[in-house]
N, C-alpha and C. Protein backbone atom coordinates (compact mmCIF):
# COMPACT_ATOMS: atom_id res chain seq x y z
N MET A 1 35.92 57.08 -0.36
CA MET A 1 35.42 58.33 -0.85
C MET A 1 34.31 58.03 -1.85
N ILE A 2 33.19 58.65 -1.64
CA ILE A 2 32.04 58.44 -2.51
C ILE A 2 32.15 59.38 -3.69
N ILE A 3 32.10 58.80 -4.83
CA ILE A 3 32.11 59.58 -6.06
C ILE A 3 30.67 59.88 -6.43
N ARG A 4 30.44 61.10 -6.87
CA ARG A 4 29.09 61.55 -7.19
C ARG A 4 28.41 60.60 -8.18
N ARG A 5 29.15 60.13 -9.16
CA ARG A 5 28.60 59.24 -10.18
C ARG A 5 28.13 57.92 -9.56
N ASN A 6 28.90 57.34 -8.64
CA ASN A 6 28.51 56.09 -7.97
C ASN A 6 27.30 56.29 -7.07
N LEU A 7 27.23 57.46 -6.42
CA LEU A 7 26.10 57.77 -5.57
C LEU A 7 24.82 57.85 -6.39
N ILE A 8 24.88 58.51 -7.52
CA ILE A 8 23.70 58.64 -8.40
C ILE A 8 23.30 57.27 -8.94
N ARG A 9 24.28 56.45 -9.33
CA ARG A 9 23.97 55.08 -9.79
C ARG A 9 23.28 54.27 -8.71
N GLY A 10 23.78 54.35 -7.50
CA GLY A 10 23.20 53.61 -6.38
C GLY A 10 21.78 54.04 -6.08
N ILE A 11 21.55 55.34 -6.08
CA ILE A 11 20.21 55.85 -5.83
C ILE A 11 19.28 55.43 -6.96
N GLY A 12 19.75 55.53 -8.19
CA GLY A 12 18.94 55.13 -9.36
C GLY A 12 18.58 53.65 -9.32
N ALA A 13 19.53 52.82 -8.99
CA ALA A 13 19.27 51.38 -8.91
C ALA A 13 18.27 51.07 -7.80
N SER A 14 18.39 51.77 -6.68
CA SER A 14 17.45 51.56 -5.58
C SER A 14 16.04 51.98 -5.98
N LEU A 15 15.93 53.11 -6.65
CA LEU A 15 14.61 53.58 -7.08
C LEU A 15 13.99 52.62 -8.10
N ILE A 16 14.80 52.14 -9.02
CA ILE A 16 14.29 51.18 -10.01
C ILE A 16 13.86 49.90 -9.31
N GLY A 17 14.65 49.44 -8.37
CA GLY A 17 14.29 48.23 -7.63
C GLY A 17 13.01 48.39 -6.85
N LEU A 18 12.83 49.50 -6.17
CA LEU A 18 11.61 49.74 -5.41
C LEU A 18 10.40 49.88 -6.32
N SER A 19 10.57 50.59 -7.43
CA SER A 19 9.42 50.75 -8.33
C SER A 19 9.05 49.42 -8.98
N THR A 20 10.04 48.61 -9.31
CA THR A 20 9.75 47.29 -9.87
C THR A 20 9.03 46.42 -8.84
N TYR A 21 9.46 46.48 -7.60
CA TYR A 21 8.80 45.72 -6.54
C TYR A 21 7.35 46.14 -6.39
N ASN A 22 7.09 47.44 -6.39
CA ASN A 22 5.73 47.94 -6.24
C ASN A 22 4.87 47.62 -7.46
N ILE A 23 5.46 47.59 -8.63
CA ILE A 23 4.70 47.25 -9.84
C ILE A 23 4.38 45.76 -9.86
N LEU A 24 5.35 44.93 -9.54
CA LEU A 24 5.15 43.48 -9.61
C LEU A 24 4.39 42.93 -8.42
N LYS A 25 4.47 43.59 -7.29
CA LYS A 25 3.83 43.07 -6.09
C LYS A 25 2.33 42.85 -6.28
N PRO A 26 1.55 43.80 -6.79
CA PRO A 26 0.12 43.54 -6.98
C PRO A 26 -0.15 42.41 -7.97
N ALA A 27 0.67 42.31 -9.01
CA ALA A 27 0.45 41.25 -10.01
C ALA A 27 0.67 39.88 -9.38
N SER A 28 1.72 39.76 -8.60
CA SER A 28 1.97 38.45 -7.98
C SER A 28 0.97 38.17 -6.88
N ALA A 29 0.49 39.21 -6.19
CA ALA A 29 -0.51 39.00 -5.15
C ALA A 29 -1.82 38.52 -5.75
N ALA A 30 -2.14 38.98 -6.94
CA ALA A 30 -3.38 38.57 -7.59
C ALA A 30 -3.35 37.09 -7.94
N LYS A 31 -2.17 36.54 -8.20
CA LYS A 31 -2.06 35.14 -8.59
C LYS A 31 -1.74 34.23 -7.41
N SER A 32 -1.56 34.80 -6.25
CA SER A 32 -1.18 33.97 -5.10
C SER A 32 -2.38 33.15 -4.64
N TYR A 33 -2.10 32.08 -3.92
CA TYR A 33 -3.15 31.23 -3.38
C TYR A 33 -2.71 30.73 -2.02
N LYS A 34 -3.67 30.37 -1.25
CA LYS A 34 -3.40 29.89 0.09
C LYS A 34 -3.43 28.37 0.10
N ILE A 35 -2.42 27.77 0.66
CA ILE A 35 -2.37 26.32 0.78
C ILE A 35 -2.89 25.96 2.16
N GLU A 36 -3.96 25.20 2.19
CA GLU A 36 -4.51 24.76 3.46
C GLU A 36 -4.19 23.29 3.64
N GLU A 37 -3.58 22.97 4.75
CA GLU A 37 -3.26 21.58 5.03
C GLU A 37 -4.45 20.88 5.64
N GLU A 38 -4.61 19.62 5.27
CA GLU A 38 -5.71 18.82 5.78
C GLU A 38 -5.18 17.88 6.86
N ASN A 39 -5.94 17.71 7.89
CA ASN A 39 -5.61 16.73 8.91
C ASN A 39 -6.21 15.41 8.46
N ILE A 40 -5.40 14.59 7.79
CA ILE A 40 -5.94 13.34 7.25
C ILE A 40 -5.89 12.21 8.27
N CYS A 41 -5.42 12.49 9.46
CA CYS A 41 -5.39 11.45 10.48
C CYS A 41 -6.72 11.31 11.21
N ASN A 42 -7.56 12.33 11.14
CA ASN A 42 -8.86 12.27 11.79
C ASN A 42 -9.91 12.40 10.71
N SER A 43 -10.57 11.31 10.39
CA SER A 43 -11.51 11.31 9.27
C SER A 43 -12.68 12.27 9.49
N ASP A 44 -12.98 12.64 10.74
CA ASP A 44 -14.05 13.61 10.98
C ASP A 44 -13.66 14.99 10.49
N ASP A 45 -12.36 15.28 10.47
CA ASP A 45 -11.89 16.59 10.02
C ASP A 45 -11.61 16.64 8.53
N PHE A 46 -11.65 15.49 7.87
CA PHE A 46 -11.26 15.44 6.46
C PHE A 46 -12.42 15.86 5.57
N VAL A 47 -12.20 16.88 4.78
CA VAL A 47 -13.22 17.38 3.87
C VAL A 47 -12.69 17.23 2.46
N ILE A 48 -13.50 16.71 1.59
CA ILE A 48 -13.10 16.55 0.20
C ILE A 48 -14.28 16.88 -0.68
N ASN A 49 -14.02 17.36 -1.86
CA ASN A 49 -15.09 17.82 -2.75
C ASN A 49 -15.65 16.70 -3.61
N HIS A 50 -15.76 15.51 -3.07
CA HIS A 50 -16.35 14.41 -3.80
C HIS A 50 -17.78 14.20 -3.31
N GLU A 51 -18.68 14.01 -4.24
CA GLU A 51 -20.07 13.78 -3.86
C GLU A 51 -20.23 12.36 -3.32
N PRO A 52 -21.08 12.18 -2.32
CA PRO A 52 -21.34 10.83 -1.84
C PRO A 52 -22.07 10.00 -2.89
N VAL A 53 -21.82 8.70 -2.86
CA VAL A 53 -22.46 7.78 -3.80
C VAL A 53 -23.27 6.78 -2.98
N ASN A 54 -24.51 6.58 -3.37
CA ASN A 54 -25.34 5.57 -2.72
C ASN A 54 -26.07 4.81 -3.83
N ASP A 55 -25.35 3.92 -4.50
CA ASP A 55 -25.89 3.23 -5.67
C ASP A 55 -26.05 1.73 -5.47
N VAL A 56 -26.09 1.28 -4.21
CA VAL A 56 -26.19 -0.15 -3.93
C VAL A 56 -27.41 -0.39 -3.03
N THR A 57 -28.18 -1.41 -3.38
CA THR A 57 -29.36 -1.74 -2.58
C THR A 57 -29.02 -2.77 -1.51
N GLU A 58 -29.89 -2.91 -0.55
CA GLU A 58 -29.70 -3.91 0.51
C GLU A 58 -29.69 -5.32 -0.07
N THR A 59 -30.48 -5.55 -1.11
CA THR A 59 -30.52 -6.86 -1.77
C THR A 59 -29.17 -7.19 -2.39
N GLN A 60 -28.56 -6.19 -3.04
CA GLN A 60 -27.24 -6.41 -3.63
C GLN A 60 -26.19 -6.68 -2.56
N LEU A 61 -26.26 -5.96 -1.47
CA LEU A 61 -25.31 -6.18 -0.37
C LEU A 61 -25.45 -7.57 0.22
N ALA A 62 -26.67 -8.06 0.32
CA ALA A 62 -26.92 -9.39 0.90
C ALA A 62 -26.46 -10.51 -0.03
N ALA A 63 -26.32 -10.24 -1.32
CA ALA A 63 -26.01 -11.29 -2.29
C ALA A 63 -24.51 -11.51 -2.49
N VAL A 64 -23.66 -10.79 -1.77
CA VAL A 64 -22.22 -10.93 -1.98
C VAL A 64 -21.56 -11.54 -0.75
N ASP A 65 -20.34 -12.06 -0.96
CA ASP A 65 -19.58 -12.67 0.13
C ASP A 65 -18.75 -11.67 0.91
N ASP A 66 -18.36 -10.58 0.25
CA ASP A 66 -17.56 -9.55 0.92
C ASP A 66 -17.87 -8.20 0.30
N VAL A 67 -17.90 -7.17 1.13
CA VAL A 67 -18.09 -5.79 0.66
C VAL A 67 -16.82 -5.03 0.99
N VAL A 68 -16.23 -4.41 -0.03
CA VAL A 68 -15.03 -3.61 0.14
C VAL A 68 -15.42 -2.16 -0.15
N LYS A 69 -15.19 -1.29 0.81
CA LYS A 69 -15.54 0.12 0.63
C LYS A 69 -14.38 0.86 -0.03
N MET A 70 -14.72 1.74 -0.97
CA MET A 70 -13.74 2.63 -1.60
C MET A 70 -13.79 3.95 -0.82
N LEU A 71 -12.71 4.26 -0.09
CA LEU A 71 -12.73 5.38 0.84
C LEU A 71 -11.71 6.46 0.47
N ASN A 72 -12.04 7.70 0.79
CA ASN A 72 -11.07 8.79 0.68
C ASN A 72 -10.10 8.77 1.86
N VAL A 73 -10.59 8.32 3.02
CA VAL A 73 -9.75 8.18 4.21
C VAL A 73 -10.00 6.80 4.79
N GLY A 74 -8.92 6.02 4.91
CA GLY A 74 -9.04 4.67 5.44
C GLY A 74 -9.20 4.65 6.95
N PRO A 75 -9.43 3.47 7.52
CA PRO A 75 -9.64 3.33 8.96
C PRO A 75 -8.46 3.83 9.80
N SER A 76 -7.25 3.74 9.26
CA SER A 76 -6.07 4.17 10.02
C SER A 76 -5.73 5.64 9.78
N GLY A 77 -6.56 6.35 8.99
CA GLY A 77 -6.30 7.75 8.70
C GLY A 77 -5.53 7.98 7.42
N SER A 78 -5.13 6.92 6.72
CA SER A 78 -4.41 7.06 5.46
C SER A 78 -5.38 7.47 4.37
N ARG A 79 -4.90 8.28 3.45
CA ARG A 79 -5.75 8.72 2.35
C ARG A 79 -5.90 7.62 1.32
N PHE A 80 -7.06 7.60 0.67
CA PHE A 80 -7.37 6.74 -0.46
C PHE A 80 -7.07 5.27 -0.17
N ARG A 81 -8.04 4.59 0.42
CA ARG A 81 -7.88 3.19 0.77
C ARG A 81 -9.14 2.40 0.45
N TYR A 82 -8.93 1.10 0.23
CA TYR A 82 -10.03 0.14 0.21
C TYR A 82 -10.11 -0.43 1.63
N ASP A 83 -11.31 -0.73 2.08
CA ASP A 83 -11.47 -1.31 3.41
C ASP A 83 -12.46 -2.46 3.33
N PRO A 84 -12.00 -3.70 3.54
CA PRO A 84 -10.65 -4.14 3.89
C PRO A 84 -9.75 -4.19 2.65
N MET A 85 -8.44 -4.22 2.91
CA MET A 85 -7.48 -4.29 1.81
C MET A 85 -7.23 -5.74 1.39
N LEU A 86 -7.58 -6.70 2.23
CA LEU A 86 -7.42 -8.12 1.91
C LEU A 86 -8.76 -8.82 2.08
N SER A 87 -9.16 -9.54 1.05
CA SER A 87 -10.38 -10.36 1.11
C SER A 87 -10.00 -11.80 0.78
N GLU A 88 -10.54 -12.74 1.53
CA GLU A 88 -10.34 -14.16 1.26
C GLU A 88 -11.70 -14.77 1.02
N ILE A 89 -11.90 -15.34 -0.17
CA ILE A 89 -13.20 -15.92 -0.52
C ILE A 89 -13.02 -17.27 -1.19
N ASP A 90 -14.11 -18.03 -1.27
CA ASP A 90 -14.10 -19.31 -1.96
C ASP A 90 -14.27 -19.09 -3.46
N VAL A 91 -13.91 -20.12 -4.24
CA VAL A 91 -14.15 -20.07 -5.69
C VAL A 91 -15.65 -19.91 -5.90
N GLY A 92 -16.02 -19.00 -6.78
CA GLY A 92 -17.43 -18.69 -7.02
C GLY A 92 -17.94 -17.57 -6.12
N GLY A 93 -17.08 -17.08 -5.23
CA GLY A 93 -17.47 -16.00 -4.32
C GLY A 93 -17.59 -14.67 -5.04
N LYS A 94 -18.39 -13.80 -4.46
CA LYS A 94 -18.64 -12.48 -5.07
C LYS A 94 -18.16 -11.38 -4.13
N ILE A 95 -17.53 -10.38 -4.73
CA ILE A 95 -17.12 -9.19 -3.97
C ILE A 95 -17.82 -7.99 -4.58
N LEU A 96 -18.27 -7.11 -3.71
CA LEU A 96 -18.84 -5.84 -4.13
C LEU A 96 -17.92 -4.74 -3.62
N TRP A 97 -17.42 -3.92 -4.54
CA TRP A 97 -16.65 -2.74 -4.16
C TRP A 97 -17.65 -1.59 -4.10
N LYS A 98 -17.90 -1.09 -2.90
CA LYS A 98 -18.92 -0.06 -2.71
C LYS A 98 -18.30 1.33 -2.77
N ALA A 99 -18.76 2.11 -3.74
CA ALA A 99 -18.31 3.50 -3.85
C ALA A 99 -18.97 4.31 -2.74
N THR A 100 -18.16 5.00 -1.96
CA THR A 100 -18.72 5.87 -0.92
C THR A 100 -18.71 7.32 -1.38
N THR A 101 -17.77 7.67 -2.25
CA THR A 101 -17.72 8.99 -2.88
C THR A 101 -17.27 8.80 -4.32
N LYS A 102 -17.49 9.81 -5.13
CA LYS A 102 -17.04 9.74 -6.51
C LYS A 102 -15.52 9.84 -6.57
N GLY A 103 -14.94 9.36 -7.66
CA GLY A 103 -13.51 9.50 -7.87
C GLY A 103 -12.73 8.20 -7.82
N HIS A 104 -13.41 7.06 -7.66
CA HIS A 104 -12.71 5.79 -7.51
C HIS A 104 -13.24 4.74 -8.48
N ASN A 105 -12.42 3.71 -8.70
CA ASN A 105 -12.82 2.55 -9.49
C ASN A 105 -12.00 1.34 -9.03
N VAL A 106 -12.14 0.23 -9.74
CA VAL A 106 -11.39 -1.00 -9.45
C VAL A 106 -10.82 -1.51 -10.76
N GLU A 107 -9.53 -1.82 -10.76
CA GLU A 107 -8.89 -2.40 -11.95
C GLU A 107 -7.88 -3.45 -11.50
N PHE A 108 -8.01 -4.67 -12.06
CA PHE A 108 -7.07 -5.74 -11.71
C PHE A 108 -5.68 -5.39 -12.22
N MET A 109 -4.67 -5.66 -11.40
CA MET A 109 -3.28 -5.53 -11.82
C MET A 109 -2.69 -6.91 -12.09
N VAL A 110 -2.90 -7.83 -11.15
CA VAL A 110 -2.44 -9.22 -11.31
C VAL A 110 -3.64 -10.11 -11.06
N ALA A 111 -3.80 -11.11 -11.92
CA ALA A 111 -4.88 -12.08 -11.76
C ALA A 111 -4.47 -13.38 -12.42
N PRO A 112 -4.97 -14.51 -11.92
CA PRO A 112 -4.68 -15.79 -12.57
C PRO A 112 -5.13 -15.76 -14.03
N ASN A 113 -4.39 -16.41 -14.88
CA ASN A 113 -4.69 -16.49 -16.31
C ASN A 113 -4.81 -15.10 -16.94
N ASP A 114 -4.18 -14.10 -16.33
CA ASP A 114 -4.17 -12.74 -16.85
C ASP A 114 -5.58 -12.19 -17.10
N ILE A 115 -6.49 -12.50 -16.19
CA ILE A 115 -7.88 -12.02 -16.29
C ILE A 115 -7.88 -10.49 -16.18
N LYS A 116 -8.63 -9.84 -17.06
CA LYS A 116 -8.73 -8.38 -17.07
C LYS A 116 -10.08 -7.96 -16.51
N TYR A 117 -10.07 -6.90 -15.70
CA TYR A 117 -11.32 -6.33 -15.19
C TYR A 117 -11.05 -4.88 -14.84
N LYS A 118 -11.95 -4.01 -15.26
CA LYS A 118 -11.87 -2.59 -14.91
C LYS A 118 -13.28 -2.05 -14.79
N SER A 119 -13.61 -1.51 -13.63
CA SER A 119 -14.95 -0.97 -13.41
C SER A 119 -15.03 0.48 -13.89
N LYS A 120 -16.24 0.98 -13.92
CA LYS A 120 -16.45 2.38 -14.29
C LYS A 120 -16.09 3.28 -13.10
N MET A 121 -15.68 4.49 -13.42
CA MET A 121 -15.39 5.48 -12.38
C MET A 121 -16.69 5.89 -11.69
N HIS A 122 -16.57 6.23 -10.42
CA HIS A 122 -17.66 6.81 -9.62
C HIS A 122 -18.81 5.84 -9.34
N LYS A 123 -18.64 4.55 -9.62
CA LYS A 123 -19.73 3.58 -9.45
C LYS A 123 -19.27 2.40 -8.59
N SER A 124 -20.21 1.83 -7.85
CA SER A 124 -19.93 0.57 -7.17
C SER A 124 -19.79 -0.52 -8.22
N ALA A 125 -19.07 -1.58 -7.90
CA ALA A 125 -18.82 -2.64 -8.88
C ALA A 125 -18.78 -3.98 -8.18
N GLY A 126 -19.11 -5.03 -8.91
CA GLY A 126 -19.07 -6.38 -8.37
C GLY A 126 -18.37 -7.32 -9.32
N TYR A 127 -17.84 -8.41 -8.75
CA TYR A 127 -17.16 -9.41 -9.57
C TYR A 127 -17.32 -10.77 -8.91
N THR A 128 -17.58 -11.80 -9.72
CA THR A 128 -17.65 -13.18 -9.25
C THR A 128 -16.34 -13.86 -9.62
N PHE A 129 -15.65 -14.38 -8.63
CA PHE A 129 -14.33 -14.98 -8.81
C PHE A 129 -14.47 -16.47 -9.06
N THR A 130 -14.30 -16.89 -10.32
CA THR A 130 -14.46 -18.30 -10.68
C THR A 130 -13.12 -19.02 -10.83
N THR A 131 -12.02 -18.28 -10.84
CA THR A 131 -10.69 -18.87 -10.99
C THR A 131 -9.91 -18.66 -9.69
N PRO A 132 -9.39 -19.75 -9.09
CA PRO A 132 -8.65 -19.60 -7.84
C PRO A 132 -7.31 -18.89 -8.07
N GLY A 133 -6.81 -18.25 -7.01
CA GLY A 133 -5.52 -17.57 -7.07
C GLY A 133 -5.56 -16.23 -6.37
N ILE A 134 -4.47 -15.48 -6.54
CA ILE A 134 -4.35 -14.16 -5.93
C ILE A 134 -4.63 -13.11 -6.99
N TYR A 135 -5.48 -12.16 -6.63
CA TYR A 135 -5.81 -11.02 -7.49
C TYR A 135 -5.36 -9.76 -6.76
N THR A 136 -4.63 -8.90 -7.44
CA THR A 136 -4.35 -7.58 -6.87
C THR A 136 -5.08 -6.56 -7.73
N TYR A 137 -5.57 -5.51 -7.08
CA TYR A 137 -6.33 -4.51 -7.82
C TYR A 137 -5.99 -3.11 -7.30
N LYS A 138 -6.36 -2.11 -8.10
CA LYS A 138 -6.03 -0.73 -7.77
C LYS A 138 -7.19 0.19 -8.12
N CYS A 139 -7.16 1.37 -7.54
CA CYS A 139 -7.99 2.47 -7.99
C CYS A 139 -7.10 3.21 -8.99
N THR A 140 -7.51 3.26 -10.24
CA THR A 140 -6.65 3.78 -11.30
C THR A 140 -6.06 5.16 -10.97
N PRO A 141 -6.86 6.16 -10.54
CA PRO A 141 -6.24 7.46 -10.27
C PRO A 141 -5.47 7.55 -8.96
N HIS A 142 -5.62 6.59 -8.06
CA HIS A 142 -5.00 6.71 -6.74
C HIS A 142 -4.03 5.59 -6.40
N VAL A 143 -3.55 4.87 -7.38
CA VAL A 143 -2.65 3.74 -7.11
C VAL A 143 -1.35 4.21 -6.45
N SER A 144 -0.80 5.32 -6.91
CA SER A 144 0.48 5.77 -6.33
C SER A 144 0.31 6.22 -4.89
N ALA A 145 -0.92 6.58 -4.50
CA ALA A 145 -1.20 6.95 -3.11
C ALA A 145 -1.44 5.71 -2.24
N GLY A 146 -1.44 4.54 -2.87
CA GLY A 146 -1.59 3.30 -2.11
C GLY A 146 -2.99 2.74 -2.07
N MET A 147 -3.86 3.16 -2.99
CA MET A 147 -5.22 2.62 -3.00
C MET A 147 -5.21 1.32 -3.79
N ILE A 148 -4.88 0.24 -3.08
CA ILE A 148 -4.77 -1.10 -3.67
C ILE A 148 -5.47 -2.10 -2.76
N GLY A 149 -5.70 -3.28 -3.31
CA GLY A 149 -6.28 -4.35 -2.52
C GLY A 149 -5.87 -5.70 -3.06
N VAL A 150 -6.12 -6.73 -2.26
CA VAL A 150 -5.76 -8.10 -2.61
C VAL A 150 -6.96 -9.00 -2.33
N VAL A 151 -7.22 -9.91 -3.27
CA VAL A 151 -8.24 -10.95 -3.08
C VAL A 151 -7.55 -12.30 -3.24
N VAL A 152 -7.73 -13.18 -2.27
CA VAL A 152 -7.21 -14.55 -2.37
C VAL A 152 -8.43 -15.45 -2.53
N VAL A 153 -8.48 -16.16 -3.66
CA VAL A 153 -9.64 -16.99 -3.99
C VAL A 153 -9.27 -18.46 -3.81
N GLY A 154 -10.08 -19.17 -3.05
CA GLY A 154 -9.88 -20.61 -2.86
C GLY A 154 -8.61 -20.96 -2.13
N ASN A 155 -8.04 -20.03 -1.37
CA ASN A 155 -6.80 -20.25 -0.64
C ASN A 155 -5.67 -20.72 -1.54
N ASP A 156 -5.73 -20.37 -2.83
CA ASP A 156 -4.73 -20.77 -3.82
C ASP A 156 -3.65 -19.69 -3.90
N LEU A 157 -2.43 -20.06 -3.56
CA LEU A 157 -1.31 -19.12 -3.57
C LEU A 157 -0.34 -19.39 -4.72
N SER A 158 -0.79 -20.07 -5.75
CA SER A 158 0.11 -20.48 -6.83
C SER A 158 0.74 -19.31 -7.57
N ASN A 159 0.13 -18.14 -7.57
CA ASN A 159 0.72 -16.99 -8.27
C ASN A 159 1.21 -15.92 -7.29
N ILE A 160 1.62 -16.34 -6.08
CA ILE A 160 2.05 -15.36 -5.08
C ILE A 160 3.31 -14.62 -5.50
N THR A 161 4.24 -15.30 -6.17
CA THR A 161 5.47 -14.62 -6.61
C THR A 161 5.13 -13.52 -7.60
N GLU A 162 4.28 -13.82 -8.56
CA GLU A 162 3.86 -12.79 -9.53
C GLU A 162 3.12 -11.66 -8.81
N ALA A 163 2.28 -12.00 -7.85
CA ALA A 163 1.51 -10.98 -7.13
C ALA A 163 2.40 -10.07 -6.30
N MET A 164 3.48 -10.61 -5.74
CA MET A 164 4.36 -9.80 -4.89
C MET A 164 5.37 -8.99 -5.69
N ASP A 165 5.81 -9.51 -6.81
CA ASP A 165 6.94 -8.90 -7.51
C ASP A 165 6.58 -8.23 -8.83
N ASN A 166 5.32 -7.94 -9.06
CA ASN A 166 4.91 -7.37 -10.34
C ASN A 166 5.53 -6.00 -10.55
N VAL A 167 6.05 -5.76 -11.75
CA VAL A 167 6.72 -4.49 -12.05
C VAL A 167 5.73 -3.34 -12.23
N ALA A 168 4.44 -3.62 -12.32
CA ALA A 168 3.45 -2.56 -12.50
C ALA A 168 3.20 -1.77 -11.22
N TYR A 169 3.65 -2.29 -10.07
CA TYR A 169 3.43 -1.59 -8.81
C TYR A 169 4.41 -0.43 -8.69
N TYR A 170 3.92 0.68 -8.19
CA TYR A 170 4.79 1.82 -7.92
C TYR A 170 4.19 2.65 -6.79
N GLY A 171 4.99 3.59 -6.31
CA GLY A 171 4.53 4.41 -5.20
C GLY A 171 4.28 3.54 -3.97
N GLN A 172 3.30 3.94 -3.19
CA GLN A 172 2.96 3.19 -1.97
C GLN A 172 2.38 1.82 -2.28
N ALA A 173 1.85 1.64 -3.48
CA ALA A 173 1.20 0.38 -3.84
C ALA A 173 2.16 -0.80 -3.71
N LYS A 174 3.38 -0.63 -4.16
CA LYS A 174 4.35 -1.72 -4.13
C LYS A 174 4.59 -2.21 -2.69
N ASP A 175 4.85 -1.28 -1.80
CA ASP A 175 5.11 -1.65 -0.41
C ASP A 175 3.88 -2.25 0.26
N LEU A 176 2.71 -1.68 0.00
CA LEU A 176 1.49 -2.17 0.64
C LEU A 176 1.13 -3.58 0.21
N ILE A 177 1.23 -3.87 -1.08
CA ILE A 177 0.90 -5.22 -1.55
C ILE A 177 1.85 -6.24 -0.95
N GLN A 178 3.14 -5.93 -0.95
CA GLN A 178 4.09 -6.86 -0.35
C GLN A 178 3.83 -7.03 1.14
N GLU A 179 3.50 -5.95 1.82
CA GLU A 179 3.21 -6.02 3.26
C GLU A 179 1.97 -6.88 3.53
N ILE A 180 0.93 -6.70 2.74
CA ILE A 180 -0.30 -7.49 2.91
C ILE A 180 -0.01 -8.97 2.72
N LEU A 181 0.65 -9.31 1.63
CA LEU A 181 0.91 -10.72 1.33
C LEU A 181 1.90 -11.34 2.31
N GLU A 182 2.93 -10.60 2.71
CA GLU A 182 3.90 -11.16 3.66
C GLU A 182 3.28 -11.34 5.04
N ARG A 183 2.37 -10.47 5.41
CA ARG A 183 1.74 -10.56 6.73
C ARG A 183 0.87 -11.82 6.84
N PHE A 184 0.22 -12.19 5.75
CA PHE A 184 -0.73 -13.29 5.80
C PHE A 184 -0.22 -14.59 5.20
N TYR A 185 0.78 -14.50 4.33
CA TYR A 185 1.26 -15.69 3.64
C TYR A 185 2.77 -15.67 3.60
N VAL A 186 3.37 -16.82 3.83
CA VAL A 186 4.82 -16.95 3.77
C VAL A 186 5.17 -17.59 2.45
N ARG A 187 6.21 -17.05 1.79
CA ARG A 187 6.65 -17.63 0.51
C ARG A 187 7.20 -19.01 0.71
């Protein structure tokens, strides 16, 4: 049996609920945004708001032993990669990290004798490797996305344990560095 008081309460609650919905609906619609997914597997479809960088001359490119591109999309379709991820050079060899778009840099994570190096953001960078050993490096803002690389200088693997097991690695970087080193070098 419906009591008049319960009926009035129910109607009142419904009206309050509907009016609250209509009042809040425009406010929440004004703050809403559309999430667009990117197809990062096909680099032709990948659009990013980074300006292209062309700050390296042909003379500079000719003077180095290896050129590593800093990419928003790697050759396999993965986001934020260096290409190639592994470089092997002789002692005294030079590497140029070529910026293709803004938003990237190079910073050593592991290096023989704890050598420190960090390039400027948005710029190509070069380094001459005078100390043999394994160097691991990262793009500071994209390390957790797996933007890392490895340089082996003089075929010296004396610091491979440190290079594989460093506690500074996190995210995809940890797995990728171990995969690179295990694929090419056995402990």
